[in-house]
Amino acid sequence: MTIRCVIVDDSERFRASARRLLSTQGIAVVATASDSRQALRAVEEQEPDVVLVDVGLGAESGFDLAPRIRHGAVIMVSSLAPDDLAELLEESPAIGFLPKDQLSGCAITYLLSRTCC
């Protein structure tokens, strides 16, 4: 079964490169969004398995968006170090965190498998 993914990040460059990377690794990127409004609409329309949410969405926080996502597991992503976000991640409904430079289809699959069993 193919994992369906929505990418939420305010950087168009990151969205495009993450889409290319994940698509080559068997993850179907069904939508991308640059802000909370677009993200909630995309998630509602696409009903993905996973939503990658950037911690910093310009003027918005991905931590404010995460609890509002009703379809799919949330994985927070950032170029910040996990230690800098530990407290916020612990309080978040996200199933995990991936540094942007460690994003991969395998990492997403692994985090999803930890919540299914």
PDB file of N, CA and C in Angstrom:
ATOM      1  N   MET A   1       0.843  -1.190   0.000  1.00  0.00           N
ATOM      2  CA  MET A   1       0.000   0.000   0.000  1.00  0.00           C
ATOM      3  C   MET A   1       0.887   1.253   0.000  1.00  0.00           C
ATOM      4  N   THR A   2       0.581   2.190  -0.844  1.00  0.00           N
ATOM      5  CA  THR A   2       1.329   3.430  -0.942  1.00  0.00           C
ATOM      6  C   THR A   2       0.891   4.401   0.146  1.00  0.00           C
ATOM      7  N   ILE A   3       1.854   5.012   0.805  1.00  0.00           N
ATOM      8  CA  ILE A   3       1.580   6.021   1.829  1.00  0.00           C
ATOM      9  C   ILE A   3       1.283   7.340   1.121  1.00  0.00           C
ATOM     10  N   ARG A   4       0.151   7.944   1.490  1.00  0.00           N
ATOM     11  CA  ARG A   4      -0.263   9.232   0.920  1.00  0.00           C
ATOM     12  C   ARG A   4       0.125  10.350   1.883  1.00  0.00           C
ATOM     13  N   CYS A   5       0.768  11.381   1.344  1.00  0.00           N
ATOM     14  CA  CYS A   5       1.382  12.409   2.187  1.00  0.00           C
ATOM     15  C   CYS A   5       1.011  13.814   1.720  1.00  0.00           C
ATOM     16  N   VAL A   6       0.829  14.714   2.693  1.00  0.00           N
ATOM     17  CA  VAL A   6       0.706  16.149   2.430  1.00  0.00           C
ATOM     18  C   VAL A   6       1.908  16.820   3.105  1.00  0.00           C
ATOM     19  N   ILE A   7       2.555  17.726   2.383  1.00  0.00           N
ATOM     20  CA  ILE A   7       3.701  18.468   2.909  1.00  0.00           C
ATOM     21  C   ILE A   7       3.273  19.903   3.186  1.00  0.00           C
ATOM     22  N   VAL A   8       3.508  20.368   4.421  1.00  0.00           N
ATOM     23  CA  VAL A   8       3.157  21.736   4.809  1.00  0.00           C
ATOM     24  C   VAL A   8       4.443  22.458   5.210  1.00  0.00           C
ATOM     25  N   ASP A   9       4.841  23.430   4.402  1.00  0.00           N
ATOM     26  CA  ASP A   9       6.069  24.177   4.668  1.00  0.00           C
ATOM     27  C   ASP A   9       5.969  25.511   3.948  1.00  0.00           C
ATOM     28  N   ASP A  10       6.455  26.576   4.570  1.00  0.00           N
ATOM     29  CA  ASP A  10       6.368  27.888   3.930  1.00  0.00           C
ATOM     30  C   ASP A  10       7.431  28.088   2.855  1.00  0.00           C
ATOM     31  N   SER A  11       8.373  27.167   2.733  1.00  0.00           N
ATOM     32  CA  SER A  11       9.412  27.262   1.708  1.00  0.00           C
ATOM     33  C   SER A  11       9.013  26.461   0.470  1.00  0.00           C
ATOM     34  N   GLU A  12       8.783  27.174  -0.626  1.00  0.00           N
ATOM     35  CA  GLU A  12       8.429  26.500  -1.879  1.00  0.00           C
ATOM     36  C   GLU A  12       9.556  25.556  -2.311  1.00  0.00           C
ATOM     37  N   ARG A  13      10.762  25.986  -2.086  1.00  0.00           N
ATOM     38  CA  ARG A  13      11.927  25.170  -2.457  1.00  0.00           C
ATOM     39  C   ARG A  13      11.944  23.847  -1.691  1.00  0.00           C
ATOM     40  N   PHE A  14      11.677  23.900  -0.378  1.00  0.00           N
ATOM     41  CA  PHE A  14      11.654  22.666   0.400  1.00  0.00           C
ATOM     42  C   PHE A  14      10.501  21.770  -0.049  1.00  0.00           C
ATOM     43  N   ARG A  15       9.314  22.352  -0.262  1.00  0.00           N
ATOM     44  CA  ARG A  15       8.166  21.542  -0.690  1.00  0.00           C
ATOM     45  C   ARG A  15       8.491  20.797  -1.981  1.00  0.00           C
ATOM     46  N   ALA A  16       9.102  21.500  -2.928  1.00  0.00           N
ATOM     47  CA  ALA A  16       9.425  20.882  -4.220  1.00  0.00           C
ATOM     48  C   ALA A  16      10.478  19.783  -4.070  1.00  0.00           C
ATOM     49  N   SER A  17      11.522  20.046  -3.303  1.00  0.00           N
ATOM     50  CA  SER A  17      12.571  19.030  -3.166  1.00  0.00           C
ATOM     51  C   SER A  17      12.087  17.838  -2.347  1.00  0.00           C
ATOM     52  N   ALA A  18      11.286  18.083  -1.318  1.00  0.00           N
ATOM     53  CA  ALA A  18      10.742  16.979  -0.525  1.00  0.00           C
ATOM     54  C   ALA A  18       9.794  16.128  -1.367  1.00  0.00           C
ATOM     55  N   ARG A  19       8.996  16.774  -2.206  1.00  0.00           N
ATOM     56  CA  ARG A  19       8.087  16.040  -3.100  1.00  0.00           C
ATOM     57  C   ARG A  19       8.883  15.128  -4.034  1.00  0.00           C
ATOM     58  N   ARG A  20       9.926  15.677  -4.656  1.00  0.00           N
ATOM     59  CA  ARG A  20      10.758  14.875  -5.554  1.00  0.00           C
ATOM     60  C   ARG A  20      11.396  13.700  -4.813  1.00  0.00           C
ATOM     61  N   LEU A  21      11.989  13.974  -3.668  1.00  0.00           N
ATOM     62  CA  LEU A  21      12.659  12.937  -2.895  1.00  0.00           C
ATOM     63  C   LEU A  21      11.693  11.825  -2.497  1.00  0.00           C
ATOM     64  N   LEU A  22      10.585  12.205  -1.881  1.00  0.00           N
ATOM     65  CA  LEU A  22       9.650  11.198  -1.379  1.00  0.00           C
ATOM     66  C   LEU A  22       8.990  10.428  -2.516  1.00  0.00           C
ATOM     67  N   SER A  23       8.721  11.091  -3.625  1.00  0.00           N
ATOM     68  CA  SER A  23       8.108  10.409  -4.766  1.00  0.00           C
ATOM     69  C   SER A  23       9.004   9.311  -5.316  1.00  0.00           C
ATOM     70  N   THR A  24      10.316   9.535  -5.271  1.00  0.00           N
ATOM     71  CA  THR A  24      11.243   8.502  -5.745  1.00  0.00           C
ATOM     72  C   THR A  24      11.393   7.365  -4.747  1.00  0.00           C
ATOM     73  N   GLN A  25      10.891   7.571  -3.524  1.00  0.00           N
ATOM     74  CA  GLN A  25      11.024   6.566  -2.468  1.00  0.00           C
ATOM     75  C   GLN A  25       9.688   5.910  -2.119  1.00  0.00           C
ATOM     76  N   GLY A  26       8.726   6.008  -3.026  1.00  0.00           N
ATOM     77  CA  GLY A  26       7.472   5.295  -2.862  1.00  0.00           C
ATOM     78  C   GLY A  26       6.403   5.984  -2.039  1.00  0.00           C
ATOM     79  N   ILE A  27       6.608   7.241  -1.673  1.00  0.00           N
ATOM     80  CA  ILE A  27       5.597   8.005  -0.937  1.00  0.00           C
ATOM     81  C   ILE A  27       4.845   8.867  -1.954  1.00  0.00           C
ATOM     82  N   ALA A  28       3.527   8.783  -1.962  1.00  0.00           N
ATOM     83  CA  ALA A  28       2.713   9.587  -2.879  1.00  0.00           C
ATOM     84  C   ALA A  28       2.396  10.928  -2.221  1.00  0.00           C
ATOM     85  N   VAL A  29       3.018  11.980  -2.714  1.00  0.00           N
ATOM     86  CA  VAL A  29       2.735  13.321  -2.203  1.00  0.00           C
ATOM     87  C   VAL A  29       1.495  13.814  -2.947  1.00  0.00           C
ATOM     88  N   VAL A  30       0.366  13.842  -2.235  1.00  0.00           N
ATOM     89  CA  VAL A  30      -0.913  14.152  -2.869  1.00  0.00           C
ATOM     90  C   VAL A  30      -1.243  15.638  -2.853  1.00  0.00           C
ATOM     91  N   ALA A  31      -0.516  16.410  -2.013  1.00  0.00           N
ATOM     92  CA  ALA A  31      -0.731  17.865  -1.965  1.00  0.00           C
ATOM     93  C   ALA A  31       0.396  18.504  -1.162  1.00  0.00           C
ATOM     94  N   THR A  32       0.568  19.801  -1.422  1.00  0.00           N
ATOM     95  CA  THR A  32       1.481  20.602  -0.608  1.00  0.00           C
ATOM     96  C   THR A  32       0.744  21.872  -0.205  1.00  0.00           C
ATOM     97  N   ALA A  33       1.220  22.492   0.877  1.00  0.00           N
ATOM     98  CA  ALA A  33       0.595  23.720   1.366  1.00  0.00           C
ATOM     99  C   ALA A  33       1.664  24.601   1.993  1.00  0.00           C
ATOM    100  N   SER A  34       1.440  25.911   1.932  1.00  0.00           N
ATOM    101  CA  SER A  34       2.412  26.846   2.493  1.00  0.00           C
ATOM    102  C   SER A  34       1.953  27.472   3.808  1.00  0.00           C
ATOM    103  N   ASP A  35       0.683  27.279   4.162  1.00  0.00           N
ATOM    104  CA  ASP A  35       0.180  27.845   5.415  1.00  0.00           C
ATOM    105  C   ASP A  35      -0.943  26.970   5.970  1.00  0.00           C
ATOM    106  N   SER A  36      -1.423  27.330   7.147  1.00  0.00           N
ATOM    107  CA  SER A  36      -2.443  26.522   7.837  1.00  0.00           C
ATOM    108  C   SER A  36      -3.733  26.398   7.039  1.00  0.00           C
ATOM    109  N   ARG A  37      -4.173  27.507   6.462  1.00  0.00           N
ATOM    110  CA  ARG A  37      -5.430  27.485   5.704  1.00  0.00           C
ATOM    111  C   ARG A  37      -5.348  26.488   4.549  1.00  0.00           C
ATOM    112  N   GLN A  38      -4.293  26.587   3.755  1.00  0.00           N
ATOM    113  CA  GLN A  38      -4.104  25.660   2.637  1.00  0.00           C
ATOM    114  C   GLN A  38      -3.955  24.227   3.150  1.00  0.00           C
ATOM    115  N   ALA A  39      -3.234  24.061   4.245  1.00  0.00           N
ATOM    116  CA  ALA A  39      -2.989  22.720   4.793  1.00  0.00           C
ATOM    117  C   ALA A  39      -4.289  22.051   5.211  1.00  0.00           C
ATOM    118  N   LEU A  40      -5.127  22.765   5.938  1.00  0.00           N
ATOM    119  CA  LEU A  40      -6.378  22.165   6.411  1.00  0.00           C
ATOM    120  C   LEU A  40      -7.291  21.793   5.246  1.00  0.00           C
ATOM    121  N   ARG A  41      -7.313  22.630   4.215  1.00  0.00           N
ATOM    122  CA  ARG A  41      -8.117  22.317   3.036  1.00  0.00           C
ATOM    123  C   ARG A  41      -7.562  21.076   2.326  1.00  0.00           C
ATOM    124  N   ALA A  42      -6.247  21.027   2.134  1.00  0.00           N
ATOM    125  CA  ALA A  42      -5.617  19.887   1.452  1.00  0.00           C
ATOM    126  C   ALA A  42      -5.841  18.585   2.226  1.00  0.00           C
ATOM    127  N   VAL A  43      -5.706  18.644   3.526  1.00  0.00           N
ATOM    128  CA  VAL A  43      -5.886  17.445   4.356  1.00  0.00           C
ATOM    129  C   VAL A  43      -7.340  16.980   4.291  1.00  0.00           C
ATOM    130  N   GLU A  44      -8.261  17.904   4.336  1.00  0.00           N
ATOM    131  CA  GLU A  44      -9.684  17.546   4.266  1.00  0.00           C
ATOM    132  C   GLU A  44     -10.019  16.912   2.915  1.00  0.00           C
ATOM    133  N   GLU A  45      -9.491  17.472   1.844  1.00  0.00           N
ATOM    134  CA  GLU A  45      -9.774  16.967   0.495  1.00  0.00           C
ATOM    135  C   GLU A  45      -9.071  15.640   0.205  1.00  0.00           C
ATOM    136  N   GLN A  46      -7.842  15.495   0.652  1.00  0.00           N
ATOM    137  CA  GLN A  46      -7.024  14.343   0.269  1.00  0.00           C
ATOM    138  C   GLN A  46      -7.042  13.186   1.268  1.00  0.00           C
ATOM    139  N   GLU A  47      -7.368  13.453   2.529  1.00  0.00           N
ATOM    140  CA  GLU A  47      -7.360  12.434   3.580  1.00  0.00           C
ATOM    141  C   GLU A  47      -6.077  11.585   3.531  1.00  0.00           C
ATOM    142  N   PRO A  48      -4.919  12.237   3.736  1.00  0.00           N
ATOM    143  CA  PRO A  48      -3.645  11.529   3.632  1.00  0.00           C
ATOM    144  C   PRO A  48      -3.391  10.605   4.816  1.00  0.00           C
ATOM    145  N   ASP A  49      -2.403   9.741   4.651  1.00  0.00           N
ATOM    146  CA  ASP A  49      -1.967   8.884   5.754  1.00  0.00           C
ATOM    147  C   ASP A  49      -1.072   9.654   6.716  1.00  0.00           C
ATOM    148  N   VAL A  50      -0.319  10.604   6.173  1.00  0.00           N
ATOM    149  CA  VAL A  50       0.639  11.364   6.974  1.00  0.00           C
ATOM    150  C   VAL A  50       0.709  12.804   6.476  1.00  0.00           C
ATOM    151  N   VAL A  51       0.932  13.719   7.418  1.00  0.00           N
ATOM    152  CA  VAL A  51       1.088  15.135   7.098  1.00  0.00           C
ATOM    153  C   VAL A  51       2.409  15.596   7.706  1.00  0.00           C
ATOM    154  N   LEU A  52       3.318  16.042   6.846  1.00  0.00           N
ATOM    155  CA  LEU A  52       4.586  16.595   7.310  1.00  0.00           C
ATOM    156  C   LEU A  52       4.369  18.076   7.558  1.00  0.00           C
ATOM    157  N   VAL A  53       4.580  18.529   8.787  1.00  0.00           N
ATOM    158  CA  VAL A  53       4.309  19.922   9.155  1.00  0.00           C
ATOM    159  C   VAL A  53       5.598  20.585   9.630  1.00  0.00           C
ATOM    160  N   ASP A  54       5.994  21.641   8.942  1.00  0.00           N
ATOM    161  CA  ASP A  54       7.162  22.401   9.361  1.00  0.00           C
ATOM    162  C   ASP A  54       6.859  23.109  10.678  1.00  0.00           C
ATOM    163  N   VAL A  55       7.824  23.125  11.572  1.00  0.00           N
ATOM    164  CA  VAL A  55       7.670  23.777  12.864  1.00  0.00           C
ATOM    165  C   VAL A  55       7.392  25.262  12.681  1.00  0.00           C
ATOM    166  N   GLY A  56       8.102  25.908  11.776  1.00  0.00           N
ATOM    167  CA  GLY A  56       7.917  27.335  11.527  1.00  0.00           C
ATOM    168  C   GLY A  56       7.277  27.570  10.180  1.00  0.00           C
ATOM    169  N   LEU A  57       6.080  28.105  10.188  1.00  0.00           N
ATOM    170  CA  LEU A  57       5.351  28.384   8.944  1.00  0.00           C
ATOM    171  C   LEU A  57       5.251  29.891   8.738  1.00  0.00           C
ATOM    172  N   GLY A  58       6.388  30.565   8.652  1.00  0.00           N
ATOM    173  CA  GLY A  58       6.369  32.016   8.525  1.00  0.00           C
ATOM    174  C   GLY A  58       5.879  32.617   9.823  1.00  0.00           C
ATOM    175  N   ALA A  59       4.778  33.334   9.755  1.00  0.00           N
ATOM    176  CA  ALA A  59       4.214  33.972  10.945  1.00  0.00           C
ATOM    177  C   ALA A  59       3.451  32.975  11.820  1.00  0.00           C
ATOM    178  N   GLU A  60       3.219  31.783  11.308  1.00  0.00           N
ATOM    179  CA  GLU A  60       2.465  30.765  12.031  1.00  0.00           C
ATOM    180  C   GLU A  60       3.402  29.720  12.632  1.00  0.00           C
ATOM    181  N   SER A  61       2.864  28.956  13.560  1.00  0.00           N
ATOM    182  CA  SER A  61       3.616  27.844  14.142  1.00  0.00           C
ATOM    183  C   SER A  61       2.978  26.531  13.712  1.00  0.00           C
ATOM    184  N   GLY A  62       3.808  25.603  13.286  1.00  0.00           N
ATOM    185  CA  GLY A  62       3.306  24.277  12.965  1.00  0.00           C
ATOM    186  C   GLY A  62       2.721  23.591  14.185  1.00  0.00           C
ATOM    187  N   PHE A  63       3.178  23.984  15.371  1.00  0.00           N
ATOM    188  CA  PHE A  63       2.643  23.402  16.603  1.00  0.00           C
ATOM    189  C   PHE A  63       1.200  23.847  16.845  1.00  0.00           C
ATOM    190  N   ASP A  64       0.812  25.012  16.322  1.00  0.00           N
ATOM    191  CA  ASP A  64      -0.584  25.450  16.416  1.00  0.00           C
ATOM    192  C   ASP A  64      -1.448  24.713  15.400  1.00  0.00           C
ATOM    193  N   LEU A  65      -0.873  24.382  14.263  1.00  0.00           N
ATOM    194  CA  LEU A  65      -1.609  23.675  13.216  1.00  0.00           C
ATOM    195  C   LEU A  65      -1.824  22.197  13.563  1.00  0.00           C
ATOM    196  N   ALA A  66      -0.832  21.540  14.098  1.00  0.00           N
ATOM    197  CA  ALA A  66      -0.870  20.086  14.310  1.00  0.00           C
ATOM    198  C   ALA A  66      -2.143  19.578  14.986  1.00  0.00           C
ATOM    199  N   PRO A  67      -2.626  20.181  16.080  1.00  0.00           N
ATOM    200  CA  PRO A  67      -3.839  19.654  16.721  1.00  0.00           C
ATOM    201  C   PRO A  67      -5.112  19.833  15.896  1.00  0.00           C
ATOM    202  N   ARG A  68      -5.060  20.675  14.879  1.00  0.00           N
ATOM    203  CA  ARG A  68      -6.237  20.940  14.043  1.00  0.00           C
ATOM    204  C   ARG A  68      -6.356  19.962  12.879  1.00  0.00           C
ATOM    205  N   ILE A  69      -5.321  19.149  12.664  1.00  0.00           N
ATOM    206  CA  ILE A  69      -5.326  18.196  11.552  1.00  0.00           C
ATOM    207  C   ILE A  69      -6.117  16.965  11.964  1.00  0.00           C
ATOM    208  N   ARG A  70      -7.148  16.643  11.206  1.00  0.00           N
ATOM    209  CA  ARG A  70      -8.073  15.559  11.554  1.00  0.00           C
ATOM    210  C   ARG A  70      -7.858  14.276  10.762  1.00  0.00           C
ATOM    211  N   HIS A  71      -7.103  14.334   9.673  1.00  0.00           N
ATOM    212  CA  HIS A  71      -6.853  13.148   8.848  1.00  0.00           C
ATOM    213  C   HIS A  71      -5.351  12.939   8.756  1.00  0.00           C
ATOM    214  N   GLY A  72      -4.915  11.757   9.068  1.00  0.00           N
ATOM    215  CA  GLY A  72      -3.512  11.420   8.925  1.00  0.00           C
ATOM    216  C   GLY A  72      -2.699  11.694  10.166  1.00  0.00           C
ATOM    217  N   ALA A  73      -1.615  10.964  10.274  1.00  0.00           N
ATOM    218  CA  ALA A  73      -0.672  11.164  11.366  1.00  0.00           C
ATOM    219  C   ALA A  73       0.189  12.380  11.046  1.00  0.00           C
ATOM    220  N   VAL A  74       0.524  13.150  12.064  1.00  0.00           N
ATOM    221  CA  VAL A  74       1.356  14.335  11.887  1.00  0.00           C
ATOM    222  C   VAL A  74       2.791  14.014  12.267  1.00  0.00           C
ATOM    223  N   ILE A  75       3.718  14.390  11.385  1.00  0.00           N
ATOM    224  CA  ILE A  75       5.146  14.332  11.679  1.00  0.00           C
ATOM    225  C   ILE A  75       5.673  15.753  11.544  1.00  0.00           C
ATOM    226  N   MET A  76       6.264  16.258  12.610  1.00  0.00           N
ATOM    227  CA  MET A  76       6.844  17.596  12.578  1.00  0.00           C
ATOM    228  C   MET A  76       8.212  17.519  11.909  1.00  0.00           C
ATOM    229  N   VAL A  77       8.545  18.544  11.125  1.00  0.00           N
ATOM    230  CA  VAL A  77       9.857  18.633  10.471  1.00  0.00           C
ATOM    231  C   VAL A  77      10.435  20.019  10.724  1.00  0.00           C
ATOM    232  N   SER A  78      11.764  20.090  10.767  1.00  0.00           N
ATOM    233  CA  SER A  78      12.416  21.378  10.963  1.00  0.00           C
ATOM    234  C   SER A  78      13.898  21.252  10.682  1.00  0.00           C
ATOM    235  N   SER A  79      14.519  22.382  10.420  1.00  0.00           N
ATOM    236  CA  SER A  79      15.974  22.415  10.316  1.00  0.00           C
ATOM    237  C   SER A  79      16.583  22.720  11.684  1.00  0.00           C
ATOM    238  N   LEU A  80      15.732  23.006  12.685  1.00  0.00           N
ATOM    239  CA  LEU A  80      16.208  23.213  14.053  1.00  0.00           C
ATOM    240  C   LEU A  80      16.551  21.870  14.691  1.00  0.00           C
ATOM    241  N   ALA A  81      17.398  21.894  15.669  1.00  0.00           N
ATOM    242  CA  ALA A  81      17.795  20.675  16.378  1.00  0.00           C
ATOM    243  C   ALA A  81      16.645  20.160  17.230  1.00  0.00           C
ATOM    244  N   PRO A  82      16.467  18.839  17.295  1.00  0.00           N
ATOM    245  CA  PRO A  82      15.380  18.269  18.101  1.00  0.00           C
ATOM    246  C   PRO A  82      15.453  18.686  19.570  1.00  0.00           C
ATOM    247  N   ASP A  83      16.648  18.849  20.102  1.00  0.00           N
ATOM    248  CA  ASP A  83      16.778  19.248  21.507  1.00  0.00           C
ATOM    249  C   ASP A  83      16.163  20.617  21.761  1.00  0.00           C
ATOM    250  N   ASP A  84      16.224  21.503  20.768  1.00  0.00           N
ATOM    251  CA  ASP A  84      15.647  22.839  20.908  1.00  0.00           C
ATOM    252  C   ASP A  84      14.120  22.811  20.927  1.00  0.00           C
ATOM    253  N   LEU A  85      13.549  21.715  20.460  1.00  0.00           N
ATOM    254  CA  LEU A  85      12.094  21.608  20.332  1.00  0.00           C
ATOM    255  C   LEU A  85      11.491  20.552  21.242  1.00  0.00           C
ATOM    256  N   ALA A  86      12.297  19.919  22.065  1.00  0.00           N
ATOM    257  CA  ALA A  86      11.876  18.742  22.829  1.00  0.00           C
ATOM    258  C   ALA A  86      10.579  18.958  23.602  1.00  0.00           C
ATOM    259  N   GLU A  87      10.478  20.049  24.322  1.00  0.00           N
ATOM    260  CA  GLU A  87       9.289  20.296  25.138  1.00  0.00           C
ATOM    261  C   GLU A  87       8.040  20.471  24.273  1.00  0.00           C
ATOM    262  N   LEU A  88       8.170  21.244  23.200  1.00  0.00           N
ATOM    263  CA  LEU A  88       7.035  21.454  22.299  1.00  0.00           C
ATOM    264  C   LEU A  88       6.636  20.153  21.602  1.00  0.00           C
ATOM    265  N   LEU A  89       7.621  19.358  21.211  1.00  0.00           N
ATOM    266  CA  LEU A  89       7.323  18.080  20.556  1.00  0.00           C
ATOM    267  C   LEU A  89       6.599  17.140  21.498  1.00  0.00           C
ATOM    268  N   GLU A  90       6.998  17.142  22.751  1.00  0.00           N
ATOM    269  CA  GLU A  90       6.373  16.261  23.736  1.00  0.00           C
ATOM    270  C   GLU A  90       4.901  16.608  23.943  1.00  0.00           C
ATOM    271  N   GLU A  91       4.578  17.886  23.878  1.00  0.00           N
ATOM    272  CA  GLU A  91       3.201  18.341  24.082  1.00  0.00           C
ATOM    273  C   GLU A  91       2.358  18.262  22.810  1.00  0.00           C
ATOM    274  N   SER A  92       3.002  18.039  21.690  1.00  0.00           N
ATOM    275  CA  SER A  92       2.336  18.017  20.392  1.00  0.00           C
ATOM    276  C   SER A  92       1.647  16.671  20.150  1.00  0.00           C
ATOM    277  N   PRO A  93       0.573  16.667  19.340  1.00  0.00           N
ATOM    278  CA  PRO A  93      -0.059  15.401  18.965  1.00  0.00           C
ATOM    279  C   PRO A  93       0.712  14.655  17.870  1.00  0.00           C
ATOM    280  N   ALA A  94       1.843  15.204  17.438  1.00  0.00           N
ATOM    281  CA  ALA A  94       2.631  14.581  16.370  1.00  0.00           C
ATOM    282  C   ALA A  94       3.149  13.219  16.830  1.00  0.00           C
ATOM    283  N   ILE A  95       3.246  12.284  15.870  1.00  0.00           N
ATOM    284  CA  ILE A  95       3.760  10.951  16.189  1.00  0.00           C
ATOM    285  C   ILE A  95       5.285  10.926  16.191  1.00  0.00           C
ATOM    286  N   GLY A  96       5.898  12.006  15.720  1.00  0.00           N
ATOM    287  CA  GLY A  96       7.347  12.048  15.693  1.00  0.00           C
ATOM    288  C   GLY A  96       7.872  13.326  15.079  1.00  0.00           C
ATOM    289  N   PHE A  97       9.203  13.372  14.989  1.00  0.00           N
ATOM    290  CA  PHE A  97       9.905  14.522  14.465  1.00  0.00           C
ATOM    291  C   PHE A  97      11.002  14.036  13.530  1.00  0.00           C
ATOM    292  N   LEU A  98      11.168  14.733  12.418  1.00  0.00           N
ATOM    293  CA  LEU A  98      12.268  14.453  11.501  1.00  0.00           C
ATOM    294  C   LEU A  98      13.007  15.745  11.185  1.00  0.00           C
ATOM    295  N   PRO A  99      14.325  15.768  11.423  1.00  0.00           N
ATOM    296  CA  PRO A  99      15.096  16.899  10.918  1.00  0.00           C
ATOM    297  C   PRO A  99      14.982  16.893   9.391  1.00  0.00           C
ATOM    298  N   LYS A 100      14.909  18.059   8.786  1.00  0.00           N
ATOM    299  CA  LYS A 100      14.717  18.130   7.335  1.00  0.00           C
ATOM    300  C   LYS A 100      15.810  17.393   6.570  1.00  0.00           C
ATOM    301  N   ASP A 101      17.029  17.413   7.098  1.00  0.00           N
ATOM    302  CA  ASP A 101      18.114  16.744   6.384  1.00  0.00           C
ATOM    303  C   ASP A 101      18.095  15.223   6.551  1.00  0.00           C
ATOM    304  N   GLN A 102      17.145  14.706   7.343  1.00  0.00           N
ATOM    305  CA  GLN A 102      17.008  13.259   7.508  1.00  0.00           C
ATOM    306  C   GLN A 102      15.674  12.743   6.959  1.00  0.00           C
ATOM    307  N   LEU A 103      14.966  13.598   6.232  1.00  0.00           N
ATOM    308  CA  LEU A 103      13.684  13.211   5.650  1.00  0.00           C
ATOM    309  C   LEU A 103      13.890  12.109   4.616  1.00  0.00           C
ATOM    310  N   SER A 104      13.103  11.053   4.735  1.00  0.00           N
ATOM    311  CA  SER A 104      13.147   9.962   3.761  1.00  0.00           C
ATOM    312  C   SER A 104      11.861   9.160   3.856  1.00  0.00           C
ATOM    313  N   GLY A 105      11.597   8.403   2.802  1.00  0.00           N
ATOM    314  CA  GLY A 105      10.443   7.511   2.820  1.00  0.00           C
ATOM    315  C   GLY A 105      10.572   6.476   3.921  1.00  0.00           C
ATOM    316  N   CYS A 106      11.785   5.969   4.129  1.00  0.00           N
ATOM    317  CA  CYS A 106      12.016   4.970   5.183  1.00  0.00           C
ATOM    318  C   CYS A 106      11.735   5.549   6.563  1.00  0.00           C
ATOM    319  N   ALA A 107      12.171   6.782   6.809  1.00  0.00           N
ATOM    320  CA  ALA A 107      11.950   7.411   8.107  1.00  0.00           C
ATOM    321  C   ALA A 107      10.455   7.609   8.373  1.00  0.00           C
ATOM    322  N   ILE A 108       9.723   8.025   7.361  1.00  0.00           N
ATOM    323  CA  ILE A 108       8.270   8.203   7.501  1.00  0.00           C
ATOM    324  C   ILE A 108       7.606   6.857   7.768  1.00  0.00           C
ATOM    325  N   THR A 109       7.970   5.851   6.996  1.00  0.00           N
ATOM    326  CA  THR A 109       7.401   4.505   7.174  1.00  0.00           C
ATOM    327  C   THR A 109       7.680   3.991   8.576  1.00  0.00           C
ATOM    328  N   TYR A 110       8.899   4.208   9.053  1.00  0.00           N
ATOM    329  CA  TYR A 110       9.266   3.755  10.400  1.00  0.00           C
ATOM    330  C   TYR A 110       8.394   4.432  11.458  1.00  0.00           C
ATOM    331  N   LEU A 111       8.245   5.764  11.383  1.00  0.00           N
ATOM    332  CA  LEU A 111       7.436   6.460  12.377  1.00  0.00           C
ATOM    333  C   LEU A 111       5.979   6.017  12.327  1.00  0.00           C
ATOM    334  N   LEU A 112       5.462   5.794  11.135  1.00  0.00           N
ATOM    335  CA  LEU A 112       4.081   5.316  11.017  1.00  0.00           C
ATOM    336  C   LEU A 112       3.936   3.924  11.599  1.00  0.00           C
ATOM    337  N   SER A 113       4.922   3.057  11.399  1.00  0.00           N
ATOM    338  CA  SER A 113       4.830   1.688  11.896  1.00  0.00           C
ATOM    339  C   SER A 113       4.852   1.639  13.420  1.00  0.00           C
ATOM    340  N   ARG A 114       5.516   2.594  14.041  1.00  0.00           N
ATOM    341  CA  ARG A 114       5.571   2.630  15.514  1.00  0.00           C
ATOM    342  C   ARG A 114       4.212   2.945  16.111  1.00  0.00           C
ATOM    343  N   THR A 115       3.340   3.626  15.372  1.00  0.00           N
ATOM    344  CA  THR A 115       2.034   3.991  15.908  1.00  0.00           C
ATOM    345  C   THR A 115       0.974   2.946  15.587  1.00  0.00           C
ATOM    346  N   CYS A 116       1.261   2.047  14.667  1.00  0.00           N
ATOM    347  CA  CYS A 116       0.261   1.073  14.226  1.00  0.00           C
ATOM    348  C   CYS A 116       0.268  -0.210  15.056  1.00  0.00           C
ATOM    349  N   CYS A 117       1.340  -0.456  15.751  1.00  0.00           N
ATOM    350  CA  CYS A 117       1.490  -1.772  16.394  1.00  0.00           C
ATOM    351  C   CYS A 117       1.358  -1.710  17.894  1.00  0.00           C
TER     352      CYS A 117
END
